[in-house]
Amino acid sequence: MAFLFPGQGAKDLFAAASFAASELRGNEMLDRAAEAAGIATADLLARGGRALERTEVQQPVVTAIGLFVHAELVAAGVKPDVVAGHSLGELAAWAATGAITPEDAITIAALRGRLMAKEAARHPGAMFAFSGLSMSERGILQRALARCGLEVAASNTPDELVVSGDEKTIHVLLKTLEDTLDAFKVDHPDTRFRAKRLPVAGPWHSESMKDAVPELEAALTRAHCGAMQVPMVLNATGNLAEEGLVPRLLAGQLVHTVHWTDVMATLKTRGVTDFVTMAPGAVLRSLVRTNLGTQVRVHTTENATDLRRTVDALRWSLS
């Protein structure tokens, strides 16, 4: 069984935060997130959760919710055999291994958000998801990226790449692709290729974030308080984490690709058949299904009813 922790940009964050706020343990976690973000807990959900749109607020809140759900599952006797997190979600996943405390994970998530927001203000940029890619189109995109000097921020599924970089260069890329793909479509009229701008505040997972790495790595190193009690699969390598390398790799993730397809492949190879997505988990649920299909079971934890259903189902299967 694998526990998966979501990253920034997770859908239905307001609903997940409202769920956490309705539970004692969740409310305590949100208090910690609000304190780390420098705002009042009541302001997290005020005005439809508008504060949650800010990177420096969203990151500790997403981390807090994931760790709240994790604690509820463990208290109910449901424990993972392995964990993974998507981008930001690696902080909560690392805490779930026991290597750092939940409180430190939330505090570092707030620091991560502040550092990223600062770099985004200095280096404005954007992210685009390119999906429906055939192998030929993937090659076209990667060659265009190399020419433009842009980077792959995430490889989420076999037919999707997320690209990150400064605004002007991305528009050059889009123009280059438009010209190249128009010619490609003459011979391949059934292409499903499409591009979508992502609703993010900066060029995450690109060299634009490099000045944030040293401070984040130092904070992660200071917080490391024990050996991992549960294996963790890392975005940076797609493989199991080596204890001493985690702070460097989690910090370096700010400028490197999220190799989520490799994470999924490793979990499959390890024989994982049940995936539990920590709230808010709609994006993760979709990524598991797209990568692994119906050969695995995905359990969600989006609200109290959902969480109880998942606990009951997993208790039954474990017995």
C-alpha atoms as a PDB file:
ATOM      1  CA  MET A   1       0.000   0.000   0.000  1.00  0.00           C
ATOM      2  CA  ALA A   2       1.306   3.459  -0.932  1.00  0.00           C
ATOM      3  CA  PHE A   3       0.302   6.793   0.582  1.00  0.00           C
ATOM      4  CA  LEU A   4       0.527   9.667  -1.925  1.00  0.00           C
ATOM      5  CA  PHE A   5       0.761  13.329  -0.885  1.00  0.00           C
ATOM      6  CA  PRO A   6      -0.387  16.166  -3.192  1.00  0.00           C
ATOM      7  CA  GLY A   7       1.550  19.195  -4.331  1.00  0.00           C
ATOM      8  CA  GLN A   8       0.728  22.835  -4.882  1.00  0.00           C
ATOM      9  CA  GLY A   9      -2.097  23.458  -7.331  1.00  0.00           C
ATOM     10  CA  ALA A  10      -4.159  20.546  -6.005  1.00  0.00           C
ATOM     11  CA  LYS A  11      -7.826  20.873  -6.879  1.00  0.00           C
ATOM     12  CA  ASP A  12     -10.536  21.443  -4.248  1.00  0.00           C
ATOM     13  CA  LEU A  13      -8.111  22.883  -1.700  1.00  0.00           C
ATOM     14  CA  PHE A  14     -10.809  25.014  -0.056  1.00  0.00           C
ATOM     15  CA  ALA A  15     -13.033  21.957   0.475  1.00  0.00           C
ATOM     16  CA  ALA A  16     -10.115  19.952   1.874  1.00  0.00           C
ATOM     17  CA  ALA A  17      -9.148  22.790   4.222  1.00  0.00           C
ATOM     18  CA  SER A  18     -12.756  23.062   5.386  1.00  0.00           C
ATOM     19  CA  PHE A  19     -12.757  19.317   6.110  1.00  0.00           C
ATOM     20  CA  ALA A  20      -9.531  19.602   8.116  1.00  0.00           C
ATOM     21  CA  ALA A  21     -10.878  22.595  10.043  1.00  0.00           C
ATOM     22  CA  SER A  22     -13.916  20.566  11.123  1.00  0.00           C
ATOM     23  CA  GLU A  23     -11.761  17.966  12.910  1.00  0.00           C
ATOM     24  CA  LEU A  24      -9.724  18.544  16.081  1.00  0.00           C
ATOM     25  CA  ARG A  25      -6.472  17.129  14.719  1.00  0.00           C
ATOM     26  CA  GLY A  26      -6.960  18.904  11.399  1.00  0.00           C
ATOM     27  CA  ASN A  27      -7.693  22.219  13.058  1.00  0.00           C
ATOM     28  CA  GLU A  28      -4.477  21.942  15.065  1.00  0.00           C
ATOM     29  CA  MET A  29      -2.539  21.293  11.853  1.00  0.00           C
ATOM     30  CA  LEU A  30      -4.148  24.306  10.163  1.00  0.00           C
ATOM     31  CA  ASP A  31      -3.269  26.460  13.185  1.00  0.00           C
ATOM     32  CA  ARG A  32       0.346  25.475  12.645  1.00  0.00           C
ATOM     33  CA  ALA A  33       0.115  26.229   8.916  1.00  0.00           C
ATOM     34  CA  ALA A  34      -1.441  29.642   9.516  1.00  0.00           C
ATOM     35  CA  GLU A  35       1.208  30.502  12.111  1.00  0.00           C
ATOM     36  CA  ALA A  36       3.974  29.452   9.718  1.00  0.00           C
ATOM     37  CA  ALA A  37       2.404  31.538   6.940  1.00  0.00           C
ATOM     38  CA  GLY A  38       2.029  34.535   9.232  1.00  0.00           C
ATOM     39  CA  ILE A  39      -1.756  34.862   9.054  1.00  0.00           C
ATOM     40  CA  ALA A  40      -4.692  34.114  11.362  1.00  0.00           C
ATOM     41  CA  THR A  41      -6.265  30.658  11.087  1.00  0.00           C
ATOM     42  CA  ALA A  42      -9.677  32.257  10.521  1.00  0.00           C
ATOM     43  CA  ASP A  43      -8.292  34.054   7.465  1.00  0.00           C
ATOM     44  CA  LEU A  44      -7.456  30.760   5.724  1.00  0.00           C
ATOM     45  CA  LEU A  45     -11.104  30.103   4.908  1.00  0.00           C
ATOM     46  CA  ALA A  46     -12.356  33.698   4.835  1.00  0.00           C
ATOM     47  CA  ARG A  47     -13.753  35.109   1.564  1.00  0.00           C
ATOM     48  CA  GLY A  48     -13.935  31.696  -0.061  1.00  0.00           C
ATOM     49  CA  GLY A  49     -10.361  30.837   0.837  1.00  0.00           C
ATOM     50  CA  ARG A  50      -8.796  33.641  -1.172  1.00  0.00           C
ATOM     51  CA  ALA A  51      -5.665  33.526   0.998  1.00  0.00           C
ATOM     52  CA  LEU A  52      -5.098  29.948  -0.177  1.00  0.00           C
ATOM     53  CA  GLU A  53      -4.216  31.268  -3.642  1.00  0.00           C
ATOM     54  CA  ARG A  54      -0.925  32.691  -2.329  1.00  0.00           C
ATOM     55  CA  THR A  55       2.047  30.353  -2.754  1.00  0.00           C
ATOM     56  CA  GLU A  56       3.434  31.094   0.713  1.00  0.00           C
ATOM     57  CA  VAL A  57       0.058  30.201   2.279  1.00  0.00           C
ATOM     58  CA  GLN A  58      -0.999  27.359   0.020  1.00  0.00           C
ATOM     59  CA  GLN A  59       2.147  25.297   0.547  1.00  0.00           C
ATOM     60  CA  PRO A  60       1.958  24.950   4.360  1.00  0.00           C
ATOM     61  CA  VAL A  61      -1.807  24.402   4.176  1.00  0.00           C
ATOM     62  CA  VAL A  62      -1.539  21.584   1.615  1.00  0.00           C
ATOM     63  CA  THR A  63       1.196  20.022   3.751  1.00  0.00           C
ATOM     64  CA  ALA A  64      -0.878  20.348   6.923  1.00  0.00           C
ATOM     65  CA  ILE A  65      -3.957  18.747   5.358  1.00  0.00           C
ATOM     66  CA  GLY A  66      -1.966  15.813   3.998  1.00  0.00           C
ATOM     67  CA  LEU A  67      -0.365  15.176   7.377  1.00  0.00           C
ATOM     68  CA  PHE A  68      -3.720  15.480   9.152  1.00  0.00           C
ATOM     69  CA  VAL A  69      -5.198  12.787   6.903  1.00  0.00           C
ATOM     70  CA  HIS A  70      -2.084  10.646   7.341  1.00  0.00           C
ATOM     71  CA  ALA A  71      -2.408  10.881  11.134  1.00  0.00           C
ATOM     72  CA  GLU A  72      -6.097   9.930  10.978  1.00  0.00           C
ATOM     73  CA  LEU A  73      -5.342   6.873   8.850  1.00  0.00           C
ATOM     74  CA  VAL A  74      -2.494   5.701  11.080  1.00  0.00           C
ATOM     75  CA  ALA A  75      -4.638   6.201  14.192  1.00  0.00           C
ATOM     76  CA  ALA A  76      -7.265   3.964  12.564  1.00  0.00           C
ATOM     77  CA  GLY A  77      -4.668   1.249  11.976  1.00  0.00           C
ATOM     78  CA  VAL A  78      -4.059   1.922   8.272  1.00  0.00           C
ATOM     79  CA  LYS A  79      -0.330   2.298   7.617  1.00  0.00           C
ATOM     80  CA  PRO A  80       1.636   2.588   4.357  1.00  0.00           C
ATOM     81  CA  ASP A  81       4.291   0.224   3.067  1.00  0.00           C
ATOM     82  CA  VAL A  82       5.799   3.060   1.019  1.00  0.00           C
ATOM     83  CA  VAL A  83       5.144   6.781   0.492  1.00  0.00           C
ATOM     84  CA  ALA A  84       5.633   9.370  -2.245  1.00  0.00           C
ATOM     85  CA  GLY A  85       4.692  13.000  -2.779  1.00  0.00           C
ATOM     86  CA  HIS A  86       4.249  15.086  -5.904  1.00  0.00           C
ATOM     87  CA  SER A  87       6.578  18.107  -5.804  1.00  0.00           C
ATOM     88  CA  LEU A  88       5.676  19.955  -2.564  1.00  0.00           C
ATOM     89  CA  GLY A  89       4.038  16.713  -1.385  1.00  0.00           C
ATOM     90  CA  GLU A  90       7.482  15.247  -0.769  1.00  0.00           C
ATOM     91  CA  LEU A  91       7.756  17.306   2.426  1.00  0.00           C
ATOM     92  CA  ALA A  92       4.663  15.646   3.901  1.00  0.00           C
ATOM     93  CA  ALA A  93       5.779  12.258   2.582  1.00  0.00           C
ATOM     94  CA  TRP A  94       9.161  12.653   4.282  1.00  0.00           C
ATOM     95  CA  ALA A  95       7.409  13.544   7.543  1.00  0.00           C
ATOM     96  CA  ALA A  96       5.240  10.436   7.113  1.00  0.00           C
ATOM     97  CA  THR A  97       8.429   8.334   7.141  1.00  0.00           C
ATOM     98  CA  GLY A  98       9.300   9.711  10.581  1.00  0.00           C
ATOM     99  CA  ALA A  99      12.465  11.468   9.386  1.00  0.00           C
ATOM    100  CA  ILE A 100      11.142  14.928  10.329  1.00  0.00           C
ATOM    101  CA  THR A 101       8.261  16.038  12.525  1.00  0.00           C
ATOM    102  CA  PRO A 102       4.928  17.114  11.007  1.00  0.00           C
ATOM    103  CA  GLU A 103       5.418  20.511  12.631  1.00  0.00           C
ATOM    104  CA  ASP A 104       8.789  20.996  10.960  1.00  0.00           C
ATOM    105  CA  ALA A 105       7.391  19.838   7.613  1.00  0.00           C
ATOM    106  CA  ILE A 106       4.670  22.497   7.792  1.00  0.00           C
ATOM    107  CA  THR A 107       7.144  25.197   8.836  1.00  0.00           C
ATOM    108  CA  ILE A 108       9.520  24.280   6.002  1.00  0.00           C
ATOM    109  CA  ALA A 109       6.617  24.234   3.531  1.00  0.00           C
ATOM    110  CA  ALA A 110       5.904  27.851   4.475  1.00  0.00           C
ATOM    111  CA  LEU A 111       9.580  28.721   3.999  1.00  0.00           C
ATOM    112  CA  ARG A 112       9.573  26.928   0.637  1.00  0.00           C
ATOM    113  CA  GLY A 113       6.520  28.926  -0.429  1.00  0.00           C
ATOM    114  CA  ARG A 114       8.087  32.237   0.615  1.00  0.00           C
ATOM    115  CA  LEU A 115      11.347  31.472  -1.174  1.00  0.00           C
ATOM    116  CA  MET A 116       9.549  30.443  -4.360  1.00  0.00           C
ATOM    117  CA  ALA A 117       7.287  33.505  -4.288  1.00  0.00           C
ATOM    118  CA  LYS A 118      10.360  35.723  -3.871  1.00  0.00           C
ATOM    119  CA  GLU A 119      12.125  34.133  -6.847  1.00  0.00           C
ATOM    120  CA  ALA A 120       8.958  34.278  -8.961  1.00  0.00           C
ATOM    121  CA  ALA A 121       8.774  38.030  -8.309  1.00  0.00           C
ATOM    122  CA  ARG A 122      12.396  38.370  -9.447  1.00  0.00           C
ATOM    123  CA  HIS A 123      12.022  36.004 -12.419  1.00  0.00           C
ATOM    124  CA  PRO A 124       8.420  36.079 -13.718  1.00  0.00           C
ATOM    125  CA  GLY A 125       7.467  33.076 -15.778  1.00  0.00           C
ATOM    126  CA  ALA A 126       4.845  30.508 -16.618  1.00  0.00           C
ATOM    127  CA  MET A 127       4.178  26.793 -16.884  1.00  0.00           C
ATOM    128  CA  PHE A 128       2.410  24.928 -19.683  1.00  0.00           C
ATOM    129  CA  ALA A 129       1.192  21.338 -19.744  1.00  0.00           C
ATOM    130  CA  PHE A 130       1.582  19.626 -23.116  1.00  0.00           C
ATOM    131  CA  SER A 131      -0.624  16.549 -23.257  1.00  0.00           C
ATOM    132  CA  GLY A 132      -1.861  13.983 -25.750  1.00  0.00           C
ATOM    133  CA  LEU A 133       1.725  13.528 -26.923  1.00  0.00           C
ATOM    134  CA  SER A 134       2.623  10.689 -29.241  1.00  0.00           C
ATOM    135  CA  MET A 135       6.245   9.519 -29.195  1.00  0.00           C
ATOM    136  CA  SER A 136       6.889  11.599 -32.332  1.00  0.00           C
ATOM    137  CA  GLU A 137       5.308  14.699 -30.810  1.00  0.00           C
ATOM    138  CA  ARG A 138       7.231  14.185 -27.576  1.00  0.00           C
ATOM    139  CA  GLY A 139      10.434  14.214 -29.630  1.00  0.00           C
ATOM    140  CA  ILE A 140       9.350  17.380 -31.461  1.00  0.00           C
ATOM    141  CA  LEU A 141       8.621  19.092 -28.137  1.00  0.00           C
ATOM    142  CA  GLN A 142      11.904  18.058 -26.528  1.00  0.00           C
ATOM    143  CA  ARG A 143      13.927  19.281 -29.519  1.00  0.00           C
ATOM    144  CA  ALA A 144      12.062  22.599 -29.433  1.00  0.00           C
ATOM    145  CA  LEU A 145      12.750  22.893 -25.698  1.00  0.00           C
ATOM    146  CA  ALA A 146      16.459  22.352 -26.286  1.00  0.00           C
ATOM    147  CA  ARG A 147      16.514  25.081 -28.946  1.00  0.00           C
ATOM    148  CA  CYS A 148      14.666  27.542 -26.707  1.00  0.00           C
ATOM    149  CA  GLY A 149      16.615  26.742 -23.535  1.00  0.00           C
ATOM    150  CA  LEU A 150      13.501  25.729 -21.589  1.00  0.00           C
ATOM    151  CA  GLU A 151      13.152  22.894 -19.105  1.00  0.00           C
ATOM    152  CA  VAL A 152      10.779  20.018 -18.447  1.00  0.00           C
ATOM    153  CA  ALA A 153       9.282  20.741 -15.034  1.00  0.00           C
ATOM    154  CA  ALA A 154       7.366  17.477 -14.735  1.00  0.00           C
ATOM    155  CA  SER A 155       6.822  14.228 -16.569  1.00  0.00           C
ATOM    156  CA  ASN A 156       3.446  13.302 -15.115  1.00  0.00           C
ATOM    157  CA  THR A 157       2.190  10.637 -17.521  1.00  0.00           C
ATOM    158  CA  PRO A 158       3.563   8.927 -20.642  1.00  0.00           C
ATOM    159  CA  ASP A 159       1.751  11.440 -22.868  1.00  0.00           C
ATOM    160  CA  GLU A 160       2.209  14.646 -20.819  1.00  0.00           C
ATOM    161  CA  LEU A 161       5.122  16.973 -20.149  1.00  0.00           C
ATOM    162  CA  VAL A 162       4.976  20.189 -18.131  1.00  0.00           C
ATOM    163  CA  VAL A 163       7.296  22.982 -19.274  1.00  0.00           C
ATOM    164  CA  SER A 164       8.529  25.879 -17.153  1.00  0.00           C
ATOM    165  CA  GLY A 165      10.419  29.075 -17.902  1.00  0.00           C
ATOM    166  CA  ASP A 166      10.240  32.798 -18.513  1.00  0.00           C
ATOM    167  CA  GLU A 167       7.179  34.171 -20.280  1.00  0.00           C
ATOM    168  CA  LYS A 168       8.909  35.479 -23.412  1.00  0.00           C
ATOM    169  CA  THR A 169      10.795  32.249 -24.105  1.00  0.00           C
ATOM    170  CA  ILE A 170       7.679  30.138 -23.613  1.00  0.00           C
ATOM    171  CA  HIS A 171       5.860  32.217 -26.233  1.00  0.00           C
ATOM    172  CA  VAL A 172       8.788  31.616 -28.618  1.00  0.00           C
ATOM    173  CA  LEU A 173       8.401  27.897 -27.897  1.00  0.00           C
ATOM    174  CA  LEU A 174       4.663  27.992 -28.590  1.00  0.00           C
ATOM    175  CA  LYS A 175       5.246  29.758 -31.917  1.00  0.00           C
ATOM    176  CA  THR A 176       7.967  27.250 -32.857  1.00  0.00           C
ATOM    177  CA  LEU A 177       5.693  24.339 -32.000  1.00  0.00           C
ATOM    178  CA  GLU A 178       2.772  25.836 -33.884  1.00  0.00           C
ATOM    179  CA  ASP A 179       4.813  26.028 -37.086  1.00  0.00           C
ATOM    180  CA  THR A 180       6.361  22.568 -36.641  1.00  0.00           C
ATOM    181  CA  LEU A 181       3.166  20.815 -35.619  1.00  0.00           C
ATOM    182  CA  ASP A 182       1.109  22.370 -38.406  1.00  0.00           C
ATOM    183  CA  ALA A 183       3.403  20.546 -40.817  1.00  0.00           C
ATOM    184  CA  PHE A 184       3.274  17.391 -38.667  1.00  0.00           C
ATOM    185  CA  LYS A 185      -0.544  17.377 -38.662  1.00  0.00           C
ATOM    186  CA  VAL A 186      -0.669  17.140 -42.452  1.00  0.00           C
ATOM    187  CA  ASP A 187       0.559  13.556 -42.158  1.00  0.00           C
ATOM    188  CA  HIS A 188      -0.997  12.912 -38.717  1.00  0.00           C
ATOM    189  CA  PRO A 189      -4.526  14.394 -38.751  1.00  0.00           C
ATOM    190  CA  ASP A 190      -5.587  12.340 -35.705  1.00  0.00           C
ATOM    191  CA  THR A 191      -3.107  14.022 -33.335  1.00  0.00           C
ATOM    192  CA  ARG A 192      -4.429  14.726 -29.797  1.00  0.00           C
ATOM    193  CA  PHE A 193      -1.654  17.165 -28.923  1.00  0.00           C
ATOM    194  CA  ARG A 194      -2.755  20.179 -26.879  1.00  0.00           C
ATOM    195  CA  ALA A 195      -1.168  22.863 -24.694  1.00  0.00           C
ATOM    196  CA  LYS A 196      -2.670  24.403 -21.560  1.00  0.00           C
ATOM    197  CA  ARG A 197      -1.328  27.182 -19.374  1.00  0.00           C
ATOM    198  CA  LEU A 198      -1.294  26.165 -15.715  1.00  0.00           C
ATOM    199  CA  PRO A 199      -2.700  28.473 -13.015  1.00  0.00           C
ATOM    200  CA  VAL A 200       0.553  28.887 -11.085  1.00  0.00           C
ATOM    201  CA  ALA A 201       2.354  31.965  -9.798  1.00  0.00           C
ATOM    202  CA  GLY A 202       5.794  31.292 -11.212  1.00  0.00           C
ATOM    203  CA  PRO A 203       8.168  29.100 -13.234  1.00  0.00           C
ATOM    204  CA  TRP A 204       8.434  26.245 -10.735  1.00  0.00           C
ATOM    205  CA  HIS A 205      11.007  23.468 -11.257  1.00  0.00           C
ATOM    206  CA  SER A 206      13.252  25.645 -13.391  1.00  0.00           C
ATOM    207  CA  GLU A 207      16.590  27.433 -13.039  1.00  0.00           C
ATOM    208  CA  SER A 208      14.641  30.562 -12.092  1.00  0.00           C
ATOM    209  CA  MET A 209      14.329  29.044  -8.590  1.00  0.00           C
ATOM    210  CA  LYS A 210      18.046  28.283  -8.103  1.00  0.00           C
ATOM    211  CA  ASP A 211      18.707  31.003  -5.516  1.00  0.00           C
ATOM    212  CA  ALA A 212      16.085  29.443  -3.217  1.00  0.00           C
ATOM    213  CA  VAL A 213      17.834  26.062  -3.065  1.00  0.00           C
ATOM    214  CA  PRO A 214      20.614  26.689  -0.475  1.00  0.00           C
ATOM    215  CA  GLU A 215      18.332  28.110   2.233  1.00  0.00           C
ATOM    216  CA  LEU A 216      15.763  25.359   1.727  1.00  0.00           C
ATOM    217  CA  GLU A 217      18.432  22.638   1.867  1.00  0.00           C
ATOM    218  CA  ALA A 218      19.830  24.097   5.095  1.00  0.00           C
ATOM    219  CA  ALA A 219      16.368  24.064   6.700  1.00  0.00           C
ATOM    220  CA  LEU A 220      15.747  20.473   5.599  1.00  0.00           C
ATOM    221  CA  THR A 221      19.127  19.370   6.956  1.00  0.00           C
ATOM    222  CA  ARG A 222      18.482  21.017  10.335  1.00  0.00           C
ATOM    223  CA  ALA A 223      15.028  19.421  10.596  1.00  0.00           C
ATOM    224  CA  HIS A 224      16.222  15.869   9.852  1.00  0.00           C
ATOM    225  CA  CYS A 225      15.739  14.122  13.205  1.00  0.00           C
ATOM    226  CA  GLY A 226      15.722  10.377  12.583  1.00  0.00           C
ATOM    227  CA  ALA A 227      15.890   7.464  10.194  1.00  0.00           C
ATOM    228  CA  MET A 228      13.003   6.821   7.829  1.00  0.00           C
ATOM    229  CA  GLN A 229      10.671   4.139   9.181  1.00  0.00           C
ATOM    230  CA  VAL A 230       8.881   3.760   5.839  1.00  0.00           C
ATOM    231  CA  PRO A 231      10.483   3.692   2.349  1.00  0.00           C
ATOM    232  CA  MET A 232       9.980   6.782   0.173  1.00  0.00           C
ATOM    233  CA  VAL A 233      10.185   7.094  -3.613  1.00  0.00           C
ATOM    234  CA  LEU A 234      11.678  10.400  -4.777  1.00  0.00           C
ATOM    235  CA  ASN A 235      10.643  12.681  -7.651  1.00  0.00           C
ATOM    236  CA  ALA A 236      14.266  13.472  -8.491  1.00  0.00           C
ATOM    237  CA  THR A 237      15.231   9.887  -9.308  1.00  0.00           C
ATOM    238  CA  GLY A 238      12.003   7.905  -9.450  1.00  0.00           C
ATOM    239  CA  ASN A 239      13.707   5.467  -7.066  1.00  0.00           C
ATOM    240  CA  LEU A 240      13.786   4.729  -3.339  1.00  0.00           C
ATOM    241  CA  ALA A 241      15.370   7.454  -1.236  1.00  0.00           C
ATOM    242  CA  GLU A 242      18.804   7.061   0.302  1.00  0.00           C
ATOM    243  CA  GLU A 243      18.670   8.475   3.817  1.00  0.00           C
ATOM    244  CA  GLY A 244      21.519  10.989   3.659  1.00  0.00           C
ATOM    245  CA  LEU A 245      20.600  12.403   0.251  1.00  0.00           C
ATOM    246  CA  VAL A 246      17.009  13.441   0.963  1.00  0.00           C
ATOM    247  CA  PRO A 247      17.597  17.085   2.063  1.00  0.00           C
ATOM    248  CA  ARG A 248      19.725  17.806  -1.020  1.00  0.00           C
ATOM    249  CA  LEU A 249      17.312  16.127  -3.424  1.00  0.00           C
ATOM    250  CA  LEU A 250      14.185  17.718  -1.934  1.00  0.00           C
ATOM    251  CA  ALA A 251      15.781  21.164  -2.141  1.00  0.00           C
ATOM    252  CA  GLY A 252      17.173  20.514  -5.603  1.00  0.00           C
ATOM    253  CA  GLN A 253      13.702  19.545  -6.739  1.00  0.00           C
ATOM    254  CA  LEU A 254      12.968  23.305  -7.012  1.00  0.00           C
ATOM    255  CA  VAL A 255      15.071  23.406 -10.178  1.00  0.00           C
ATOM    256  CA  HIS A 256      14.706  19.840 -11.436  1.00  0.00           C
ATOM    257  CA  THR A 257      12.099  17.699 -13.160  1.00  0.00           C
ATOM    258  CA  VAL A 258       9.403  15.844 -11.225  1.00  0.00           C
ATOM    259  CA  HIS A 259       9.749  12.317 -12.643  1.00  0.00           C
ATOM    260  CA  TRP A 260       6.263  11.166 -11.654  1.00  0.00           C
ATOM    261  CA  THR A 261       5.977   8.504 -14.355  1.00  0.00           C
ATOM    262  CA  ASP A 262       9.115   6.909 -12.907  1.00  0.00           C
ATOM    263  CA  VAL A 263       7.699   7.141  -9.372  1.00  0.00           C
ATOM    264  CA  MET A 264       4.589   5.288 -10.543  1.00  0.00           C
ATOM    265  CA  ALA A 265       6.674   2.658 -12.339  1.00  0.00           C
ATOM    266  CA  THR A 266       8.768   2.027  -9.222  1.00  0.00           C
ATOM    267  CA  LEU A 267       5.688   1.634  -7.032  1.00  0.00           C
ATOM    268  CA  LYS A 268       4.218  -0.797  -9.542  1.00  0.00           C
ATOM    269  CA  THR A 269       7.470  -2.783  -9.602  1.00  0.00           C
ATOM    270  CA  ARG A 270       7.367  -2.985  -5.799  1.00  0.00           C
ATOM    271  CA  GLY A 271       3.983  -4.672  -6.069  1.00  0.00           C
ATOM    272  CA  VAL A 272       1.819  -1.826  -4.789  1.00  0.00           C
ATOM    273  CA  THR A 273      -1.846  -2.545  -5.538  1.00  0.00           C
ATOM    274  CA  ASP A 274      -3.542   0.004  -3.253  1.00  0.00           C
ATOM    275  CA  PHE A 275      -2.895   3.743  -3.474  1.00  0.00           C
ATOM    276  CA  VAL A 276      -4.289   6.119  -0.857  1.00  0.00           C
ATOM    277  CA  THR A 277      -4.332   9.770  -1.950  1.00  0.00           C
ATOM    278  CA  MET A 278      -4.158  12.303   0.863  1.00  0.00           C
ATOM    279  CA  ALA A 279      -6.619  15.173   0.470  1.00  0.00           C
ATOM    280  CA  PRO A 280      -6.835  17.192  -1.712  1.00  0.00           C
ATOM    281  CA  GLY A 281      -6.157  14.261  -3.993  1.00  0.00           C
ATOM    282  CA  ALA A 282      -8.132  14.636  -7.235  1.00  0.00           C
ATOM    283  CA  VAL A 283      -5.011  15.320  -9.318  1.00  0.00           C
ATOM    284  CA  LEU A 284      -3.119  12.391  -7.806  1.00  0.00           C
ATOM    285  CA  ARG A 285      -6.061  10.050  -8.344  1.00  0.00           C
ATOM    286  CA  SER A 286      -6.117  11.002 -12.025  1.00  0.00           C
ATOM    287  CA  LEU A 287      -2.350  10.533 -12.366  1.00  0.00           C
ATOM    288  CA  VAL A 288      -2.462   7.063 -10.805  1.00  0.00           C
ATOM    289  CA  ARG A 289      -5.273   6.018 -13.134  1.00  0.00           C
ATOM    290  CA  THR A 290      -3.548   7.436 -16.218  1.00  0.00           C
ATOM    291  CA  ASN A 291      -0.229   5.780 -15.384  1.00  0.00           C
ATOM    292  CA  LEU A 292      -1.431   2.434 -14.040  1.00  0.00           C
ATOM    293  CA  GLY A 293      -5.003   2.016 -15.282  1.00  0.00           C
ATOM    294  CA  THR A 294      -7.491  -0.233 -13.537  1.00  0.00           C
ATOM    295  CA  GLN A 295      -4.923  -2.797 -12.405  1.00  0.00           C
ATOM    296  CA  VAL A 296      -4.623  -0.951  -9.068  1.00  0.00           C
ATOM    297  CA  ARG A 297      -7.091   0.390  -6.503  1.00  0.00           C
ATOM    298  CA  VAL A 298      -7.187   4.094  -5.614  1.00  0.00           C
ATOM    299  CA  HIS A 299      -8.644   5.172  -2.256  1.00  0.00           C
ATOM    300  CA  THR A 300      -9.483   8.820  -1.552  1.00  0.00           C
ATOM    301  CA  THR A 301      -9.765  10.908   1.623  1.00  0.00           C
ATOM    302  CA  GLU A 302     -11.494  14.107   0.488  1.00  0.00           C
ATOM    303  CA  ASN A 303     -13.944  14.439   3.394  1.00  0.00           C
ATOM    304  CA  ALA A 304     -15.029  12.651   6.576  1.00  0.00           C
ATOM    305  CA  THR A 305     -17.298  10.205   4.734  1.00  0.00           C
ATOM    306  CA  ASP A 306     -14.622   9.472   2.148  1.00  0.00           C
ATOM    307  CA  LEU A 307     -12.017   8.894   4.856  1.00  0.00           C
ATOM    308  CA  ARG A 308     -14.268   6.474   6.779  1.00  0.00           C
ATOM    309  CA  ARG A 309     -15.037   4.569   3.587  1.00  0.00           C
ATOM    310  CA  THR A 310     -11.334   4.244   2.813  1.00  0.00           C
ATOM    311  CA  VAL A 311     -10.499   3.113   6.351  1.00  0.00           C
ATOM    312  CA  ASP A 312     -13.261   0.490   6.264  1.00  0.00           C
ATOM    313  CA  ALA A 313     -12.205  -0.795   2.835  1.00  0.00           C
ATOM    314  CA  LEU A 314      -8.542  -1.066   3.771  1.00  0.00           C
ATOM    315  CA  ARG A 315      -9.217  -2.644   7.150  1.00  0.00           C
ATOM    316  CA  TRP A 316     -11.310  -5.275   5.400  1.00  0.00           C
ATOM    317  CA  SER A 317      -8.649  -5.968   2.776  1.00  0.00           C
ATOM    318  CA  LEU A 318      -5.883  -6.103   5.395  1.00  0.00           C
ATOM    319  CA  SER A 319      -7.850  -8.594   7.479  1.00  0.00           C
END
